[in-house]
N, C-alpha and C. Protein backbone atom coordinates (compact mmCIF):
# COMPACT_ATOMS: atom_id res chain seq x y z
N UNK A 1 0.84 -1.17 0.00
CA UNK A 1 0.00 0.00 0.00
C UNK A 1 0.89 1.24 0.00
N UNK A 2 0.49 2.20 -0.80
CA UNK A 2 1.22 3.46 -0.90
C UNK A 2 0.93 4.34 0.33
N UNK A 3 1.96 4.92 0.91
CA UNK A 3 1.79 5.81 2.06
C UNK A 3 1.50 7.22 1.54
N UNK A 4 0.39 7.80 2.04
CA UNK A 4 -0.03 9.14 1.59
C UNK A 4 -0.51 9.94 2.78
N UNK A 5 -0.43 11.26 2.63
CA UNK A 5 -1.09 12.10 3.63
C UNK A 5 -2.56 12.27 3.20
N UNK A 6 -3.36 12.96 4.00
CA UNK A 6 -4.79 13.09 3.72
C UNK A 6 -5.06 13.77 2.39
N UNK A 7 -4.35 14.85 2.09
CA UNK A 7 -4.55 15.57 0.83
C UNK A 7 -4.24 14.67 -0.37
N UNK A 8 -3.16 13.93 -0.29
CA UNK A 8 -2.80 13.02 -1.38
C UNK A 8 -3.85 11.91 -1.56
N UNK A 9 -4.39 11.42 -0.45
CA UNK A 9 -5.40 10.36 -0.51
C UNK A 9 -6.69 10.86 -1.16
N UNK A 10 -7.11 12.08 -0.81
CA UNK A 10 -8.32 12.65 -1.41
C UNK A 10 -8.10 12.88 -2.91
N UNK A 11 -6.94 13.42 -3.26
CA UNK A 11 -6.61 13.64 -4.67
C UNK A 11 -6.61 12.32 -5.43
N UNK A 12 -6.02 11.30 -4.84
CA UNK A 12 -5.96 9.99 -5.49
C UNK A 12 -7.35 9.41 -5.69
N UNK A 13 -8.22 9.56 -4.68
CA UNK A 13 -9.59 9.05 -4.78
C UNK A 13 -10.35 9.77 -5.89
N UNK A 14 -10.22 11.09 -5.97
CA UNK A 14 -10.90 11.84 -7.03
C UNK A 14 -10.35 11.45 -8.39
N UNK A 15 -9.04 11.26 -8.49
CA UNK A 15 -8.42 10.83 -9.74
C UNK A 15 -8.98 9.49 -10.19
N UNK A 16 -9.12 8.55 -9.26
CA UNK A 16 -9.67 7.24 -9.60
C UNK A 16 -11.11 7.34 -10.08
N UNK A 17 -11.94 8.13 -9.41
CA UNK A 17 -13.33 8.28 -9.82
C UNK A 17 -13.45 8.98 -11.17
N UNK A 18 -12.63 10.00 -11.40
CA UNK A 18 -12.65 10.69 -12.69
C UNK A 18 -12.27 9.74 -13.82
N UNK A 19 -11.31 8.87 -13.55
CA UNK A 19 -10.88 7.90 -14.56
C UNK A 19 -11.94 6.83 -14.79
N UNK A 20 -12.67 6.49 -13.74
CA UNK A 20 -13.65 5.41 -13.78
C UNK A 20 -14.97 5.81 -14.44
N UNK A 21 -15.40 7.06 -14.25
CA UNK A 21 -16.73 7.48 -14.70
C UNK A 21 -16.63 8.82 -15.41
N UNK A 22 -16.83 8.82 -16.71
CA UNK A 22 -16.67 10.04 -17.51
C UNK A 22 -17.75 11.08 -17.26
N UNK A 23 -18.81 10.73 -16.52
CA UNK A 23 -19.86 11.71 -16.23
C UNK A 23 -19.57 12.50 -14.95
N UNK A 24 -18.52 12.15 -14.23
CA UNK A 24 -18.16 12.85 -12.99
C UNK A 24 -17.30 14.07 -13.32
N UNK A 25 -17.60 15.18 -12.65
CA UNK A 25 -16.78 16.38 -12.75
C UNK A 25 -16.41 16.84 -11.35
N UNK A 26 -15.31 17.56 -11.25
CA UNK A 26 -14.93 18.23 -10.01
C UNK A 26 -15.13 19.71 -10.29
N UNK A 27 -15.98 20.33 -9.49
CA UNK A 27 -16.45 21.68 -9.76
C UNK A 27 -16.48 22.44 -8.43
N UNK A 28 -15.75 23.54 -8.36
CA UNK A 28 -15.74 24.33 -7.13
C UNK A 28 -14.83 25.53 -7.26
N UNK A 29 -14.77 26.31 -6.21
CA UNK A 29 -13.95 27.53 -6.23
C UNK A 29 -12.47 27.17 -6.22
N UNK A 30 -11.76 27.62 -7.23
CA UNK A 30 -10.32 27.43 -7.38
C UNK A 30 -9.85 25.98 -7.47
N UNK A 31 -10.70 25.07 -7.92
CA UNK A 31 -10.28 23.67 -8.02
C UNK A 31 -9.60 23.35 -9.35
N UNK A 32 -9.75 24.22 -10.33
CA UNK A 32 -9.21 23.96 -11.66
C UNK A 32 -7.72 24.19 -11.76
N UNK A 33 -7.35 25.31 -12.31
CA UNK A 33 -5.94 25.64 -12.57
C UNK A 33 -5.12 25.64 -11.28
N UNK A 34 -5.66 26.25 -10.24
CA UNK A 34 -4.91 26.41 -8.98
C UNK A 34 -4.82 25.12 -8.17
N UNK A 35 -5.73 24.19 -8.37
CA UNK A 35 -5.67 22.93 -7.63
C UNK A 35 -6.29 22.99 -6.25
N UNK A 36 -7.10 24.00 -5.99
CA UNK A 36 -7.77 24.11 -4.69
C UNK A 36 -6.92 24.81 -3.66
N UNK A 37 -7.56 25.28 -2.64
CA UNK A 37 -6.88 26.02 -1.58
C UNK A 37 -5.78 25.18 -0.94
N UNK A 38 -6.06 23.92 -0.67
CA UNK A 38 -5.07 23.03 -0.04
C UNK A 38 -4.39 22.12 -1.06
N UNK A 39 -4.54 22.45 -2.35
CA UNK A 39 -3.97 21.69 -3.47
C UNK A 39 -4.52 20.27 -3.55
N UNK A 40 -5.76 20.09 -3.08
CA UNK A 40 -6.39 18.78 -3.10
C UNK A 40 -6.66 18.32 -4.52
N UNK A 41 -6.93 19.25 -5.43
CA UNK A 41 -7.24 18.86 -6.81
C UNK A 41 -6.07 19.13 -7.76
N UNK A 42 -4.90 19.34 -7.21
CA UNK A 42 -3.73 19.65 -8.03
C UNK A 42 -3.45 18.56 -9.06
N UNK A 43 -3.30 18.97 -10.31
CA UNK A 43 -2.97 18.05 -11.40
C UNK A 43 -4.17 17.38 -12.05
N UNK A 44 -5.34 17.47 -11.42
CA UNK A 44 -6.51 16.77 -11.98
C UNK A 44 -7.01 17.43 -13.26
N UNK A 45 -6.99 18.76 -13.33
CA UNK A 45 -7.44 19.43 -14.54
C UNK A 45 -6.50 19.11 -15.70
N UNK A 46 -5.23 19.11 -15.44
CA UNK A 46 -4.25 18.79 -16.48
C UNK A 46 -4.46 17.36 -17.00
N UNK A 47 -4.73 16.44 -16.10
CA UNK A 47 -4.88 15.03 -16.48
C UNK A 47 -6.24 14.73 -17.12
N UNK A 48 -7.32 15.32 -16.59
CA UNK A 48 -8.67 14.94 -17.03
C UNK A 48 -9.36 16.01 -17.88
N UNK A 49 -8.73 17.17 -18.01
CA UNK A 49 -9.27 18.21 -18.88
C UNK A 49 -10.09 19.27 -18.17
N UNK A 50 -10.09 20.46 -18.76
CA UNK A 50 -10.80 21.61 -18.20
C UNK A 50 -12.30 21.48 -18.32
N UNK A 51 -12.78 20.53 -19.11
CA UNK A 51 -14.23 20.32 -19.20
C UNK A 51 -14.74 19.43 -18.08
N UNK A 52 -13.84 18.81 -17.31
CA UNK A 52 -14.24 17.92 -16.21
C UNK A 52 -13.76 18.39 -14.85
N UNK A 53 -12.74 19.22 -14.80
CA UNK A 53 -12.24 19.78 -13.54
C UNK A 53 -12.14 21.28 -13.76
N UNK A 54 -13.07 22.03 -13.16
CA UNK A 54 -13.13 23.45 -13.47
C UNK A 54 -13.67 24.26 -12.30
N UNK A 55 -13.40 25.55 -12.37
CA UNK A 55 -13.79 26.48 -11.32
C UNK A 55 -15.24 26.90 -11.44
N UNK A 56 -15.86 27.10 -10.29
CA UNK A 56 -17.23 27.60 -10.24
C UNK A 56 -17.20 29.12 -10.17
N UNK A 57 -18.35 29.75 -10.42
CA UNK A 57 -18.43 31.19 -10.17
C UNK A 57 -18.36 31.44 -8.66
N UNK A 58 -18.09 32.65 -8.27
CA UNK A 58 -18.03 32.98 -6.84
C UNK A 58 -19.41 33.15 -6.22
N UNK A 59 -20.39 33.62 -7.00
CA UNK A 59 -21.74 33.84 -6.49
C UNK A 59 -22.45 32.51 -6.24
N UNK A 60 -23.05 32.37 -5.06
CA UNK A 60 -23.75 31.14 -4.72
C UNK A 60 -24.86 30.82 -5.70
N UNK A 61 -25.55 31.84 -6.19
CA UNK A 61 -26.62 31.60 -7.15
C UNK A 61 -26.06 31.04 -8.46
N UNK A 62 -24.88 31.48 -8.84
CA UNK A 62 -24.21 30.95 -10.03
C UNK A 62 -23.78 29.52 -9.85
N UNK A 63 -23.28 29.19 -8.66
CA UNK A 63 -22.86 27.82 -8.36
C UNK A 63 -24.09 26.90 -8.39
N UNK A 64 -25.15 27.30 -7.69
CA UNK A 64 -26.36 26.47 -7.63
C UNK A 64 -26.98 26.30 -9.02
N UNK A 65 -27.06 27.37 -9.78
CA UNK A 65 -27.66 27.30 -11.12
C UNK A 65 -26.86 26.41 -12.05
N UNK A 66 -25.56 26.55 -12.02
CA UNK A 66 -24.70 25.73 -12.87
C UNK A 66 -24.77 24.26 -12.46
N UNK A 67 -24.73 24.00 -11.15
CA UNK A 67 -24.81 22.62 -10.66
C UNK A 67 -26.15 21.99 -11.01
N UNK A 68 -27.22 22.74 -10.92
CA UNK A 68 -28.55 22.23 -11.27
C UNK A 68 -28.60 21.88 -12.76
N UNK A 69 -28.08 22.76 -13.59
CA UNK A 69 -28.05 22.48 -15.02
C UNK A 69 -27.22 21.25 -15.35
N UNK A 70 -26.08 21.09 -14.68
CA UNK A 70 -25.26 19.90 -14.92
C UNK A 70 -25.99 18.64 -14.48
N UNK A 71 -26.67 18.70 -13.32
CA UNK A 71 -27.39 17.54 -12.81
C UNK A 71 -28.53 17.15 -13.75
N UNK A 72 -29.26 18.13 -14.25
CA UNK A 72 -30.36 17.85 -15.17
C UNK A 72 -29.86 17.17 -16.44
N UNK A 73 -28.63 17.52 -16.86
CA UNK A 73 -28.09 16.91 -18.07
C UNK A 73 -27.32 15.62 -17.79
N UNK A 74 -27.40 15.10 -16.55
CA UNK A 74 -26.84 13.78 -16.24
C UNK A 74 -25.44 13.77 -15.66
N UNK A 75 -24.87 14.93 -15.39
CA UNK A 75 -23.52 14.96 -14.83
C UNK A 75 -23.57 14.77 -13.32
N UNK A 76 -22.44 14.37 -12.75
CA UNK A 76 -22.30 14.22 -11.31
C UNK A 76 -21.14 15.10 -10.86
N UNK A 77 -21.30 15.74 -9.71
CA UNK A 77 -20.20 16.55 -9.19
C UNK A 77 -19.62 15.90 -7.94
N UNK A 78 -18.36 16.13 -7.71
CA UNK A 78 -17.69 15.62 -6.52
C UNK A 78 -17.30 16.83 -5.69
N UNK A 79 -18.09 17.15 -4.70
CA UNK A 79 -17.85 18.34 -3.88
C UNK A 79 -17.10 18.02 -2.60
N UNK A 80 -16.63 16.80 -2.44
CA UNK A 80 -15.98 16.39 -1.19
C UNK A 80 -14.60 17.02 -1.00
N UNK A 81 -14.10 17.71 -1.99
CA UNK A 81 -12.77 18.31 -1.84
C UNK A 81 -12.82 19.60 -1.04
N UNK A 82 -13.99 20.07 -0.66
CA UNK A 82 -14.10 21.27 0.15
C UNK A 82 -13.73 20.93 1.58
N UNK A 83 -12.48 21.17 1.93
CA UNK A 83 -11.98 20.79 3.25
C UNK A 83 -12.12 21.93 4.22
């Protein structure tokens, strides 16, 4: 078993799910290019693409509206990276 810290384990789990299911996206504030506040999503956008790992708007209404639209069209979001 590979030894990891908590951030690495969360990143690894999200990487596995993104690879396993093409309908899953990681969507949140600064999760795309920057890799999240604690770098939990670091490298995921580069590996899985900007269409699957991307930043949300800052306004809560924009986040909710975008997430609702994605859900209606069959996408799944992984919001567990909000530490």
